[in-house]
Protein backbone atom coordinates (compact mmCIF):
# COMPACT_ATOMS: atom_id res chain seq x y z
CA MET A 1 0.03 0.01 0.03
CA LYS A 2 1.48 3.41 -1.01
CA LYS A 3 2.11 5.59 2.07
CA ILE A 4 2.76 9.12 0.97
CA PHE A 5 1.03 11.17 3.75
CA PHE A 6 4.17 11.50 5.92
CA PHE A 7 6.12 13.56 3.44
CA PHE A 8 3.42 15.98 2.48
CA ILE A 9 3.19 17.14 6.04
CA TRP A 10 6.59 18.83 5.74
CA LEU A 11 6.46 19.94 2.07
CA PRO A 12 5.95 23.60 2.83
CA LEU A 13 9.11 23.58 4.94
CA LEU A 14 11.57 22.36 2.22
CA THR A 15 15.04 23.73 2.55
CA SER A 16 18.58 22.68 1.43
CA ALA A 17 18.72 20.64 4.69
CA GLN A 18 15.94 18.30 3.66
CA ILE A 19 15.71 15.52 1.24
CA THR A 20 12.51 13.61 0.40
CA ASP A 21 11.53 10.98 -2.12
CA ASN A 22 8.27 8.92 -2.22
CA PHE A 23 8.74 8.00 -5.92
CA ILE A 24 5.25 9.28 -6.71
CA ASP A 25 6.56 10.69 -10.01
CA GLY A 26 7.63 7.14 -11.10
CA ASP A 27 11.21 8.31 -11.67
CA PHE A 28 14.24 7.65 -9.44
CA THR A 29 16.66 9.47 -11.75
CA TYR A 30 15.39 12.93 -11.09
CA ALA A 31 14.79 15.22 -8.07
CA PRO A 32 16.58 13.63 -6.29
CA ALA A 33 18.70 11.67 -8.75
CA TRP A 34 19.69 8.13 -7.67
CA HIS A 35 22.79 6.60 -9.21
CA GLY A 36 24.56 3.32 -8.94
CA ASN A 37 23.22 0.00 -10.42
CA ASP A 38 20.41 1.87 -12.13
CA THR A 39 19.32 -1.04 -14.36
CA ASP A 40 18.77 -3.27 -11.31
CA PHE A 41 15.94 -1.07 -9.89
CA VAL A 42 12.45 -0.05 -11.00
CA ILE A 43 9.60 2.03 -9.64
CA ASN A 44 6.66 -0.51 -9.36
CA SER A 45 2.98 0.12 -9.80
CA ASN A 46 2.74 0.96 -6.09
CA LYS A 47 5.14 3.84 -6.65
CA GLN A 48 7.90 2.07 -4.58
CA LEU A 49 11.54 1.58 -5.36
CA GLN A 50 11.97 -2.16 -6.03
CA LEU A 51 14.98 -4.28 -6.76
CA ASN A 52 14.40 -5.93 -10.19
CA SER A 53 17.47 -7.94 -10.85
CA SER A 54 18.39 -11.63 -11.54
CA GLY A 55 20.98 -14.07 -10.39
CA THR A 56 23.02 -13.81 -7.26
CA SER A 57 24.67 -10.43 -6.84
CA GLU A 58 24.70 -7.15 -4.98
CA SER A 59 23.13 -3.90 -6.11
CA TYR A 60 22.95 -0.31 -4.77
CA LEU A 61 21.61 3.11 -5.47
CA ARG A 62 22.71 6.32 -3.74
CA ILE A 63 21.99 10.06 -3.69
CA THR A 64 24.14 12.98 -2.81
CA ASN A 65 23.75 14.15 0.82
CA THR A 66 26.20 16.56 2.33
CA GLN A 67 24.13 17.50 5.50
CA SER A 68 25.85 17.60 8.87
CA LEU A 69 25.19 14.51 10.91
CA SER A 70 24.73 16.81 13.93
CA ASN A 71 21.02 16.78 14.85
CA CYS A 72 19.99 14.75 11.81
CA GLU A 73 16.92 12.66 11.27
CA TRP A 74 16.27 9.78 8.75
CA ASN A 75 12.93 8.24 7.95
CA PHE A 76 11.92 5.48 5.46
CA TRP A 77 9.78 2.44 4.81
CA ILE A 78 11.35 -0.94 3.90
CA SER A 79 9.88 -4.27 3.03
CA LEU A 80 11.47 -7.66 2.20
CA ASN A 81 9.04 -10.37 1.03
CA PHE A 82 11.36 -13.17 2.16
CA SER A 83 13.07 -14.27 5.32
CA PRO A 84 16.40 -12.37 5.37
CA SER A 85 19.61 -14.04 6.17
CA SER A 86 23.39 -13.36 6.00
CA GLY A 87 23.17 -14.07 2.21
CA ASN A 88 20.03 -12.14 1.53
CA TYR A 89 19.87 -8.78 3.37
CA ALA A 90 19.48 -5.06 2.91
CA ARG A 91 21.40 -2.11 4.16
CA VAL A 92 20.38 1.46 4.23
CA TYR A 93 23.36 3.71 4.38
CA LEU A 94 22.60 6.75 6.45
CA ALA A 95 26.09 8.23 5.80
CA SER A 96 28.86 7.32 3.48
CA ASN A 97 31.93 9.17 2.29
CA LYS A 98 32.07 7.08 -0.96
CA SER A 99 29.65 6.91 -3.81
CA ASP A 100 30.14 3.21 -4.34
CA LEU A 101 28.32 1.60 -1.45
CA SER A 102 29.70 -1.87 -2.30
CA SER A 103 33.27 -0.69 -1.71
CA THR A 104 35.50 0.22 1.26
CA LEU A 105 33.93 3.33 2.93
CA ASN A 106 33.47 5.23 6.17
CA GLY A 107 29.95 5.85 7.40
CA TYR A 108 26.90 4.43 9.16
CA TYR A 109 24.21 1.95 7.98
CA LEU A 110 21.23 0.05 9.20
CA GLN A 111 21.17 -3.74 8.36
CA PHE A 112 18.05 -5.85 7.83
CA GLY A 113 18.97 -9.56 7.86
CA GLU A 114 21.46 -11.75 9.58
CA THR A 115 22.21 -15.44 10.41
CA GLY A 116 19.64 -17.20 12.62
CA SER A 117 16.05 -16.57 13.51
CA GLY A 118 16.40 -13.58 15.73
CA ASP A 119 16.91 -10.95 13.11
CA GLN A 120 16.39 -7.36 14.29
CA VAL A 121 17.21 -3.90 12.97
CA GLU A 122 20.86 -3.13 13.64
CA LEU A 123 22.78 0.26 13.42
CA PHE A 124 26.48 -0.07 12.52
CA ARG A 125 29.40 2.21 12.00
CA GLN A 126 31.57 1.11 9.05
CA SER A 127 35.26 2.04 8.94
CA GLY A 128 36.82 0.67 5.82
CA THR A 129 35.74 -2.94 5.66
CA SER A 130 35.03 -3.19 9.44
CA SER A 131 31.67 -2.78 11.03
CA ILE A 132 30.96 -1.86 14.71
CA LEU A 133 27.49 -2.38 16.21
CA ILE A 134 26.16 0.77 17.86
CA CYS A 135 22.59 -0.47 18.84
CA ARG A 136 20.06 -3.19 18.03
CA GLY A 137 16.29 -2.92 17.86
CA THR A 138 13.66 -5.20 19.32
CA THR A 139 11.26 -5.80 16.43
CA ILE A 140 11.82 -9.33 14.98
CA ILE A 141 12.30 -9.29 11.20
CA ALA A 142 13.27 -13.00 10.71
CA ASN A 143 10.32 -13.45 8.35
CA ALA A 144 9.07 -11.26 5.50
CA PHE A 145 8.32 -7.82 6.82
CA SER A 146 7.25 -4.25 6.11
CA ILE A 147 8.28 -1.67 8.65
CA GLY A 148 8.71 2.08 9.15
CA VAL A 149 12.06 3.20 10.45
CA GLN A 150 13.27 6.47 11.95
CA VAL A 151 16.81 7.25 13.18
CA THR A 152 18.02 10.38 14.86
CA ARG A 153 21.50 11.52 15.84
CA ASP A 154 22.10 14.54 18.17
CA ASN A 155 25.17 16.85 18.27
CA THR A 156 26.83 14.65 20.91
CA GLY A 157 26.73 11.51 18.71
CA LEU A 158 23.78 9.90 20.52
CA TRP A 159 21.84 7.75 18.02
CA ARG A 160 18.24 6.66 18.58
CA LEU A 161 16.45 3.99 16.60
CA PHE A 162 12.68 4.02 16.27
CA VAL A 163 10.53 1.32 14.47
CA ASP A 164 6.85 1.03 13.48
CA ALA A 165 6.40 -2.68 13.07
CA ALA A 166 3.06 -2.03 11.29
CA GLY A 167 4.83 -0.13 8.45
CA GLY A 168 3.46 3.29 9.27
CA THR A 169 5.02 6.35 11.10
CA ASN A 170 3.73 5.52 14.54
CA TYR A 171 7.30 4.96 15.74
CA THR A 172 8.44 3.57 19.10
CA GLN A 173 12.06 3.88 20.27
CA GLU A 174 13.76 0.55 20.43
CA ALA A 175 17.39 1.23 20.93
CA SER A 176 20.04 3.95 21.34
CA GLY A 177 23.87 4.15 21.33
CA THR A 178 26.62 6.71 21.01
CA ASP A 179 29.15 6.97 18.32
CA ALA A 180 30.70 10.36 17.16
CA THR A 181 33.45 9.09 14.93
CA TYR A 182 32.18 10.66 11.83
CA THR A 183 30.37 13.99 11.71
CA SER A 184 29.82 14.55 8.02
CA THR A 185 28.63 12.61 4.94
CA SER A 186 28.57 12.77 1.19
CA PHE A 187 26.09 10.05 0.23
CA PHE A 188 22.96 8.22 1.36
CA GLY A 189 21.72 5.02 -0.25
CA VAL A 190 20.34 1.52 -0.32
CA TYR A 191 22.32 -1.69 -0.73
CA CYS A 192 20.91 -5.19 -1.52
CA ASP A 193 22.83 -8.52 -1.19
CA TYR A 194 20.68 -11.37 -2.65
CA THR A 195 20.50 -14.71 -4.36
CA SER A 196 18.47 -15.29 -7.48
CA THR A 197 15.26 -16.40 -5.73
CA ASN A 198 15.09 -13.03 -3.92
CA ALA A 199 16.31 -10.73 -6.70
CA ASN A 200 12.87 -9.01 -6.88
CA GLY A 201 12.07 -8.95 -3.18
CA PHE A 202 13.44 -5.73 -1.88
CA PHE A 203 11.19 -2.65 -1.60
CA PHE A 204 11.92 0.92 -0.35
CA ASP A 205 9.82 4.04 -0.06
CA ASP A 206 9.03 7.32 1.79
CA PHE A 207 12.67 8.50 2.31
CA TYR A 208 12.89 11.65 4.38
CA ILE A 209 16.18 13.11 5.65
CA TYR A 210 16.17 16.26 7.76
CA SER A 211 18.69 18.26 9.67
CA PRO A 212 18.04 19.32 12.36
CA PRO A 213 15.32 16.76 13.43
CA ASP A 214 11.81 17.63 14.39
CA ALA A 215 11.79 19.69 17.52
CA THR A 216 8.29 20.98 17.22
CA PRO A 217 5.50 19.38 19.26
CA ALA A 218 2.30 18.19 17.65
CA LEU A 219 -0.48 20.83 17.36
CA LEU A 220 -4.06 20.15 18.12
CA ASP A 221 -5.41 21.02 14.66
CA SER A 222 -9.07 20.41 15.03
CA ILE A 223 -11.90 18.67 16.80
CA LYS A 224 -14.86 16.67 15.34
CA ILE A 225 -17.88 16.11 17.59
CA ILE A 226 -18.95 12.47 17.31
CA SER A 227 -21.71 12.25 19.91
CA GLN A 228 -22.87 13.66 23.22
CA ASN A 229 -19.73 12.26 24.92
CA LYS A 230 -17.28 11.50 22.14
CA LEU A 231 -14.79 13.65 20.30
CA ASP A 232 -12.13 13.00 17.56
CA ALA A 233 -8.98 15.07 18.09
CA TYR A 234 -6.83 15.74 14.98
CA PHE A 235 -3.20 16.60 15.38
CA SER A 236 -0.66 18.05 13.06
CA GLU A 237 1.55 14.98 13.08
CA ALA A 238 1.52 11.33 14.17
CA LEU A 239 1.67 10.66 17.92
CA SER A 240 3.41 7.93 19.90
CA ALA A 241 0.89 5.27 20.77
CA ALA A 242 1.47 5.29 24.53
CA SER A 243 0.97 8.99 24.93
CA ALA A 244 -1.87 9.24 22.41
CA GLN A 245 -3.81 6.56 24.40
CA THR A 246 -3.40 7.91 27.80
CA PRO A 247 -6.83 9.34 28.87
CA ALA A 248 -5.36 11.71 31.45
CA ASN A 249 -3.66 13.60 28.65
CA TYR A 250 -7.13 14.92 27.60
CA SER A 251 -9.60 17.10 29.59
CA VAL A 252 -12.76 19.18 28.88
CA ASN A 253 -13.95 22.04 31.17
CA ASN A 254 -17.38 22.70 32.48
CA ASN A 255 -17.35 19.69 34.84
CA ILE A 256 -16.66 17.10 32.05
CA GLY A 257 -13.26 16.31 33.26
CA TYR A 258 -10.61 13.84 31.98
CA ALA A 259 -11.32 11.41 29.11
CA ALA A 260 -12.59 8.00 30.12
CA ALA A 261 -10.94 6.43 27.04
CA ALA A 262 -8.47 7.42 24.42
CA ALA A 263 -7.81 5.22 21.31
CA GLN A 264 -5.44 6.14 18.56
CA ASP A 265 -6.81 5.54 15.06
CA SER A 266 -5.44 2.30 13.52
CA ILE A 267 -4.84 3.95 10.17
CA ASN A 268 -4.36 7.68 10.82
CA PHE A 269 -1.96 8.08 13.66
CA LYS A 270 -2.65 11.81 13.84
CA LEU A 271 -6.23 11.06 15.05
CA VAL A 272 -7.28 10.18 18.54
CA HIS A 273 -10.87 8.99 19.43
CA LEU A 274 -11.91 10.30 22.84
CA THR A 275 -14.78 9.20 25.09
CA PHE A 276 -15.83 11.09 28.19
CA GLY A 277 -17.90 9.85 31.17
CA ASP A 278 -20.36 12.73 31.13
CA ASN A 279 -22.47 14.08 28.25
CA PHE A 280 -22.04 17.56 26.84
CA THR A 281 -24.88 19.98 27.21
CA ASN A 282 -26.69 21.14 24.14
CA ALA A 283 -25.80 24.62 22.88
CA GLU A 284 -22.89 25.14 25.24
CA PHE A 285 -19.23 25.98 24.53
CA TYR A 286 -16.44 23.66 25.73
CA THR A 287 -12.69 23.64 25.61
CA LEU A 288 -10.57 20.52 25.08
CA THR A 289 -7.10 20.76 26.65
CA VAL A 290 -4.32 18.35 25.69
CA THR A 291 -1.11 17.94 27.73
CA GLY A 292 1.48 15.17 27.63
CA VAL A 293 1.05 13.67 24.14
CA GLN A 294 4.31 13.22 22.28
CA ASP A 295 5.30 13.03 18.61
CA PRO A 296 7.69 10.21 17.50
CA ALA A 297 10.64 12.49 18.17
CA GLY A 298 9.63 12.82 21.84
CA ASN A 299 8.39 16.46 21.63
CA ASN A 300 5.68 17.07 24.30
CA THR A 301 2.46 18.95 23.52
CA ILE A 302 1.67 21.20 26.58
CA ASN A 303 -1.67 22.88 27.10
CA ALA A 304 -2.97 22.75 23.56
CA THR A 305 -6.56 23.92 23.45
CA ASN A 306 -9.44 23.96 21.05
CA THR A 307 -12.87 25.33 21.78
CA PHE A 308 -16.04 23.71 20.29
CA LEU A 309 -19.77 24.28 20.51
CA PHE A 310 -21.76 21.26 21.19
CA THR A 311 -25.07 21.56 19.39
CA ARG A 312 -27.54 18.94 18.35
CA PRO A 313 -30.94 19.51 16.81
CA LEU A 314 -33.65 18.82 19.34
CA PRO A 315 -37.00 17.21 18.30
CA ASN A 316 -38.82 19.46 15.81
CA ASP A 317 -35.85 21.85 15.43
CA LEU A 318 -35.77 20.50 11.90
CA VAL A 319 -39.06 19.46 10.33
CA ILE A 320 -40.06 17.70 7.05
CA ASN A 321 -41.73 20.45 5.12
CA GLU A 322 -42.40 19.13 1.61
CA ILE A 323 -42.05 15.75 -0.05
CA LEU A 324 -42.18 14.49 -3.68
CA PHE A 325 -42.56 10.73 -3.67
CA ASP A 326 -44.01 10.27 -7.14
CA PRO A 327 -41.88 12.24 -9.59
CA HIS A 328 -42.31 12.52 -13.31
CA GLU A 329 -40.52 9.99 -15.49
CA ASN A 330 -36.75 10.77 -15.34
CA GLY A 331 -37.49 12.95 -12.29
CA VAL A 332 -36.07 12.40 -8.79
CA GLU A 333 -37.63 11.93 -5.41
CA TRP A 334 -36.88 14.62 -2.85
CA ILE A 335 -37.66 15.80 0.70
CA GLU A 336 -37.47 19.38 1.86
CA ILE A 337 -36.48 20.20 5.42
CA TYR A 338 -36.91 23.46 7.31
CA ASN A 339 -34.95 24.88 10.37
CA ARG A 340 -37.63 26.16 12.68
CA SER A 341 -35.27 26.66 15.60
CA ASP A 342 -33.32 29.77 16.58
CA ARG A 343 -29.95 28.10 16.10
CA THR A 344 -27.74 27.19 13.13
CA ILE A 345 -27.63 23.41 12.83
CA ASP A 346 -24.88 21.29 11.25
CA LEU A 347 -26.45 18.60 9.15
CA LYS A 348 -23.41 16.29 9.23
CA ASP A 349 -24.92 14.54 12.25
CA VAL A 350 -28.46 14.44 10.89
CA PHE A 351 -29.69 11.33 9.05
CA LEU A 352 -32.65 10.62 6.72
CA CYS A 353 -34.17 7.18 6.89
CA THR A 354 -37.27 5.15 6.53
CA VAL A 355 -39.19 3.37 9.36
CA ASP A 356 -40.47 -0.23 9.01
CA ASN A 357 -43.60 -1.72 10.52
CA ASN A 358 -41.77 -2.60 13.75
CA GLY A 359 -40.63 1.02 14.23
CA SER A 360 -37.05 0.18 13.30
CA PHE A 361 -34.98 2.59 11.22
CA THR A 362 -33.98 1.38 7.77
CA GLU A 363 -32.06 2.83 4.78
CA ILE A 364 -30.29 5.28 7.16
CA LYS A 365 -28.54 7.97 5.04
CA GLN A 366 -26.20 10.68 6.32
CA ILE A 367 -27.30 13.99 4.90
CA ALA A 368 -23.91 15.71 4.76
CA PRO A 369 -20.94 13.66 5.72
CA ASN A 370 -18.63 16.62 5.30
CA GLY A 371 -20.82 19.01 7.30
CA TYR A 372 -23.50 21.55 6.04
CA LEU A 373 -24.89 24.44 8.08
CA ILE A 374 -28.45 25.36 7.87
CA SER A 375 -29.49 28.68 9.39
CA PRO A 376 -32.79 29.40 11.29
CA GLY A 377 -35.66 29.96 8.87
CA ASN A 378 -33.95 28.27 5.96
CA TYR A 379 -35.09 25.47 3.64
CA ARG A 380 -32.92 22.74 2.19
CA VAL A 381 -33.99 20.11 -0.44
CA LEU A 382 -32.49 16.64 0.02
CA SER A 383 -32.15 14.55 -3.18
CA THR A 384 -29.62 12.85 -5.34
CA ASN A 385 -29.83 15.43 -8.14
CA GLY A 386 -30.67 19.03 -7.27
CA THR A 387 -29.87 20.11 -10.89
CA ALA A 388 -32.71 17.93 -12.16
CA ILE A 389 -35.12 19.47 -9.69
CA ARG A 390 -34.12 23.07 -10.49
CA SER A 391 -34.64 22.33 -14.19
CA GLU A 392 -38.17 20.98 -13.63
CA TYR A 393 -39.57 23.35 -10.95
CA ASN A 394 -39.24 27.08 -10.25
CA THR A 395 -37.25 28.07 -7.18
CA SER A 396 -36.19 31.38 -5.60
CA ASN A 397 -33.48 29.65 -3.74
CA PRO A 398 -31.12 27.84 -6.22
CA THR A 399 -28.51 27.24 -3.62
CA GLY A 400 -30.86 25.46 -1.25
CA PHE A 401 -30.22 21.95 -2.51
CA ILE A 402 -28.06 19.14 -1.00
CA ASP A 403 -27.03 16.26 -3.22
CA MET A 404 -26.78 13.11 -1.24
CA ALA A 405 -25.13 9.92 -2.41
CA SER A 406 -28.43 8.15 -2.09
CA LEU A 407 -31.90 8.73 -0.71
CA PRO A 408 -34.10 6.24 1.14
CA SER A 409 -36.59 4.82 -1.42
CA LEU A 410 -40.04 6.40 -1.17
CA ASN A 411 -43.24 4.33 -1.94
CA ASN A 412 -45.76 6.11 -4.18
CA ASP A 413 -48.78 5.14 -2.09
CA SER A 414 -47.49 5.51 1.47
CA ASP A 415 -44.37 5.38 3.43
CA HIS A 416 -42.75 6.37 6.80
CA VAL A 417 -39.75 8.67 6.78
CA ALA A 418 -37.81 10.22 9.58
CA LEU A 419 -35.02 12.62 10.51
CA ILE A 420 -32.82 11.26 13.25
CA ASP A 421 -29.57 12.33 14.88
CA ILE A 422 -26.37 10.28 15.38
CA SER A 423 -27.77 8.56 18.51
CA GLN A 424 -30.98 7.68 16.50
CA THR A 425 -33.18 10.14 18.46
CA VAL A 426 -36.11 11.19 16.27
CA ILE A 427 -36.04 14.87 15.23
CA ASP A 428 -39.05 14.59 13.09
CA LYS A 429 -40.97 11.84 11.32
CA LEU A 430 -43.80 11.57 8.80
CA ARG A 431 -46.07 8.74 7.71
CA TYR A 432 -47.43 10.14 4.44
CA ASN A 433 -50.21 8.78 2.24
CA SER A 434 -50.94 9.55 -1.36
CA ASP A 435 -54.60 10.03 -0.32
CA TRP A 436 -53.53 13.38 1.27
CA HIS A 437 -53.41 14.83 -2.22
CA LEU A 438 -56.41 16.94 -3.34
CA PRO A 439 -59.10 14.49 -4.47
CA LEU A 440 -60.02 16.64 -7.48
CA LEU A 441 -56.62 16.07 -9.06
CA ASN A 442 -56.78 13.51 -11.84
CA ASN A 443 -53.02 12.88 -11.73
CA THR A 444 -50.63 13.64 -8.85
CA LYS A 445 -47.47 12.53 -10.57
CA GLY A 446 -44.90 15.29 -10.15
CA ILE A 447 -46.97 17.15 -7.57
CA SER A 448 -45.48 17.54 -4.08
CA LEU A 449 -47.17 17.36 -0.74
CA GLU A 450 -46.59 20.56 1.19
CA ARG A 451 -46.76 21.22 4.89
CA VAL A 452 -49.30 23.96 5.73
CA ASN A 453 -47.73 25.19 8.97
CA PHE A 454 -44.50 24.54 10.83
CA GLU A 455 -46.19 24.82 14.20
CA SER A 456 -48.92 22.25 13.58
CA PRO A 457 -48.12 18.51 14.19
CA THR A 458 -46.23 16.79 11.36
CA GLN A 459 -48.48 13.75 11.40
CA ASP A 460 -51.78 15.76 11.10
CA LYS A 461 -52.94 14.93 7.61
CA ASN A 462 -54.84 18.26 7.53
CA ASN A 463 -51.44 19.89 7.83
CA TRP A 464 -50.54 18.66 4.31
CA HIS A 465 -51.85 19.60 0.95
CA SER A 466 -50.97 19.30 -2.79
CA ALA A 467 -48.75 22.12 -3.98
CA ALA A 468 -50.57 24.70 -6.06
CA GLU A 469 -50.75 24.53 -9.79
CA SER A 470 -50.16 28.21 -9.94
CA VAL A 471 -46.55 27.80 -8.67
CA GLY A 472 -45.78 24.77 -10.95
CA ASP A 473 -46.77 21.90 -8.63
CA ALA A 474 -43.94 22.24 -6.08
CA THR A 475 -41.95 24.90 -4.18
CA PRO A 476 -38.47 23.36 -3.65
CA ALA A 477 -36.21 25.32 -1.22
CA TYR A 478 -38.62 28.21 -0.61
CA GLN A 479 -41.92 28.88 1.22
CA ASN A 480 -44.71 26.49 0.42
CA SER A 481 -47.47 27.64 -1.79
CA GLN A 482 -49.97 26.28 0.76
CA TYR A 483 -48.23 27.82 3.81
CA THR A 484 -50.41 29.77 6.18
CA ASN A 485 -49.73 30.96 9.70
CA GLY A 486 -53.45 30.73 10.56
CA GLU A 487 -54.08 34.45 10.47
CA ASN A 488 -56.80 36.04 8.36
CA GLY A 489 -55.73 36.96 4.88
CA THR A 490 -56.54 40.15 2.99
CA GLU A 491 -58.48 37.85 0.66
CA LEU A 492 -58.70 39.94 -2.54
CA THR A 493 -57.27 43.23 -3.96
CA ILE A 494 -57.40 44.71 -7.43
CA ALA A 495 -54.83 47.15 -8.72
CA PRO A 496 -54.84 49.52 -10.40
CA GLU A 497 -58.58 50.36 -10.73
CA ILE A 498 -57.92 51.86 -14.13
CA PHE A 499 -55.31 50.19 -16.38
CA SER A 500 -54.33 50.94 -19.94
CA PRO A 501 -52.58 48.04 -21.83
CA ASP A 502 -50.94 50.29 -24.35
CA ASN A 503 -47.37 49.20 -23.63
CA ASP A 504 -46.33 52.64 -22.54
CA GLY A 505 -44.88 51.17 -19.24
CA TYR A 506 -47.51 52.70 -16.99
CA ASN A 507 -50.42 50.58 -15.57
CA ASP A 508 -50.27 48.28 -18.53
CA VAL A 509 -51.47 45.15 -16.60
CA LEU A 510 -54.31 44.55 -14.04
CA SER A 511 -53.20 42.65 -10.93
CA ILE A 512 -55.67 40.43 -9.01
CA SER A 513 -54.03 39.46 -5.69
CA TYR A 514 -55.45 37.04 -3.15
CA SER A 515 -54.58 35.69 0.24
CA PHE A 516 -56.60 33.01 2.05
CA ASP A 517 -56.21 31.70 5.62
CA THR A 518 -56.85 28.05 4.53
CA PRO A 519 -55.01 25.99 1.96
CA GLY A 520 -56.44 23.89 -0.88
CA MET A 521 -58.80 26.41 -2.52
CA ILE A 522 -59.74 25.87 -6.15
CA GLY A 523 -60.25 29.03 -8.17
CA ASN A 524 -62.06 30.48 -11.11
CA VAL A 525 -61.63 33.97 -12.51
CA GLN A 526 -63.89 35.31 -15.18
CA ILE A 527 -64.07 38.79 -16.66
CA TYR A 528 -67.28 40.25 -18.14
CA ASP A 529 -67.91 43.52 -19.99
CA SER A 530 -70.48 46.04 -18.87
CA ARG A 531 -73.25 44.25 -20.80
CA GLY A 532 -72.54 40.88 -19.12
CA ARG A 533 -70.72 39.23 -21.98
CA LEU A 534 -67.87 36.88 -20.96
CA GLU A 535 -64.69 38.32 -22.42
CA LYS A 536 -61.99 36.37 -20.66
CA THR A 537 -61.65 33.27 -18.52
CA LEU A 538 -58.49 33.92 -16.72
CA VAL A 539 -58.45 30.86 -14.36
CA HIS A 540 -60.45 27.73 -14.58
CA ASN A 541 -60.61 25.24 -11.74
CA GLU A 542 -57.01 25.80 -10.73
CA LEU A 543 -55.57 24.65 -7.38
CA LEU A 544 -54.51 27.87 -5.72
CA ALA A 545 -51.72 28.68 -3.34
CA THR A 546 -52.74 30.30 -0.13
CA SER A 547 -51.66 33.57 -1.62
CA GLY A 548 -50.81 34.73 -5.21
CA THR A 549 -51.45 37.08 -8.01
CA PHE A 550 -53.09 36.74 -11.40
CA PHE A 551 -52.62 39.31 -14.24
CA TRP A 552 -54.83 40.43 -17.07
CA ASP A 553 -53.22 42.18 -20.03
CA GLY A 554 -56.51 43.36 -21.60
CA MET A 555 -56.71 40.50 -24.23
CA THR A 556 -59.88 38.50 -24.69
CA ASP A 557 -60.28 34.75 -25.09
CA ASP A 558 -60.40 35.42 -28.83
CA LYS A 559 -56.94 36.96 -28.55
CA LEU A 560 -58.31 40.43 -29.33
CA LYS A 561 -57.74 43.60 -27.45
CA ALA A 562 -60.66 44.28 -25.22
CA ARG A 563 -62.70 47.42 -25.80
CA LEU A 564 -62.27 50.51 -23.50
CA GLY A 565 -64.74 50.51 -20.71
CA ILE A 566 -65.87 49.00 -17.38
CA TYR A 567 -65.33 45.29 -16.71
CA ILE A 568 -66.67 43.01 -14.00
CA LEU A 569 -64.40 40.48 -12.47
CA TYR A 570 -66.08 37.43 -10.99
CA ILE A 571 -63.80 35.44 -8.71
CA GLU A 572 -64.78 32.15 -7.07
CA ALA A 573 -62.78 29.99 -4.66
CA PHE A 574 -64.01 26.74 -3.14
CA ASP A 575 -62.61 23.73 -1.30
CA THR A 576 -63.53 20.04 -1.20
CA ASN A 577 -65.43 20.58 2.04
CA GLY A 578 -67.99 22.73 0.24
CA ASN A 579 -66.76 26.04 1.44
CA VAL A 580 -67.18 28.70 -1.28
CA LYS A 581 -65.90 32.24 -1.48
CA LYS A 582 -67.29 34.55 -4.21
CA TYR A 583 -66.21 38.06 -5.09
CA LYS A 584 -67.22 40.73 -7.58
CA ARG A 585 -64.85 43.56 -8.39
CA SER A 586 -64.93 46.15 -11.16
CA CYS A 587 -62.08 47.79 -13.09
CA VAL A 588 -61.68 50.18 -15.96
CA LEU A 589 -59.75 49.43 -19.11
CA GLY A 590 -58.65 52.90 -20.25
CA GLY A 591 -56.66 54.20 -23.19
CA LYS A 592 -55.68 57.27 -25.21
CA PHE A 593 -58.04 58.85 -27.71
């Protein structure tokens, strides 16, 4: 598995005292340029440096490195897919005064492989042809292995050997020793001694050489709230396992106290999962303080803090406000939610699901895995294709759409949907039925069900109504056409009383505005001349919104311009319960003589 994350952490700090190579460019001959037995090595499909030779031989590659050995650090990954021995082993030369790593030289190297079954990583000083052991690790590498290695040397000649036996950068110090014989170097490289059966079994990656070594403690970069008593803490670099998993290194104020458990992530060693004994209080600020965690170089993090606001939607803070469960062909299903609370809510911890006959949640879908803030009084449409919805329906809020990876499937006749939080507490739920549509509609395909009022119960079927035809059969991401707050409407207004459709830009159109206090009214608007002759049927049996406006441009049903004079407007609105509203209004169609 390619492991490139370690190097990119330091890329912004590149200086002449740093060398990195993760072979991601697929070329070991450039930046930096490796030389030696070039034809014996390749960059494999995993972007690793691999020995690709044949027969029994020895091969090496080296790069120029003239850094001081004082306060230097080396990091790399190595893998041998066989059991090493005295005849099949690898060396990584940390320092060499000669370019030919197979010749007599002065320097320091790590050896991977020896006689017997107790193979461990060993650090040697080489003087000419003689090698002197400085220190020996503890990880057994007698069989095929993949490990991460870090070596540091301070200005006194104290060497420290760190190993991650899992192949990452979660290093643990295994050995140390002192040798200050050599203080400078000219080359760094890898050396392979092998027989024919293992001529393709050496792998290297993620080289990082830096002088001086890391002296900066890990920073507490960010916090992710997981639940009422769980946090994820993200650090700027990998932490040592022992310090990362010490609960007493983490505390939260406001009577929460120390963590009850701390577990380092098994893949990302910069991440620690924290659990606390007490729950956070909703809508309260807290501060996480971290003291005592260490990075692989042993740097201590002291009193690092990060403040967070714990906020979770309470029941009915978010409500299901509109739903389209029977879309047109090639259309998509969608659900609109509304934030009726006085707080901004992060939708990353809100889930949409269905509910089965036993009351169990099914098809649980996270709304916004990467987080999404919805402010008070705002609408958001949840679907798999907001673009398709915007192309089919009008909306005054084109940014109010969230594309989810998938949506719970919605039955056309009836179904049970719910909004839940991460602990599966219900925020809002709706068991809808297609019978809730206006009975007078011949076809409800592509028509949404709208909530009439946020304050009325979600499950009250009288709180739902078909979207008005006058708005295009749905109101995605903005106020519902059937919305009413229960207050009396102004019912009907005509303006202007005198209009002149002569296209002079002044009073060219007659506006007929209405506002009803109940949804689901069906309307008719007819216009008669002063002799009682029908001139224009403006609206015929149209499902109305609770408020809206119609316009008359002075044209008749015969597509002729109406004569100048007085006209009578007859407006009728009725519902399926037999309630009827009738209005007569007059207007004057004027003009220039």
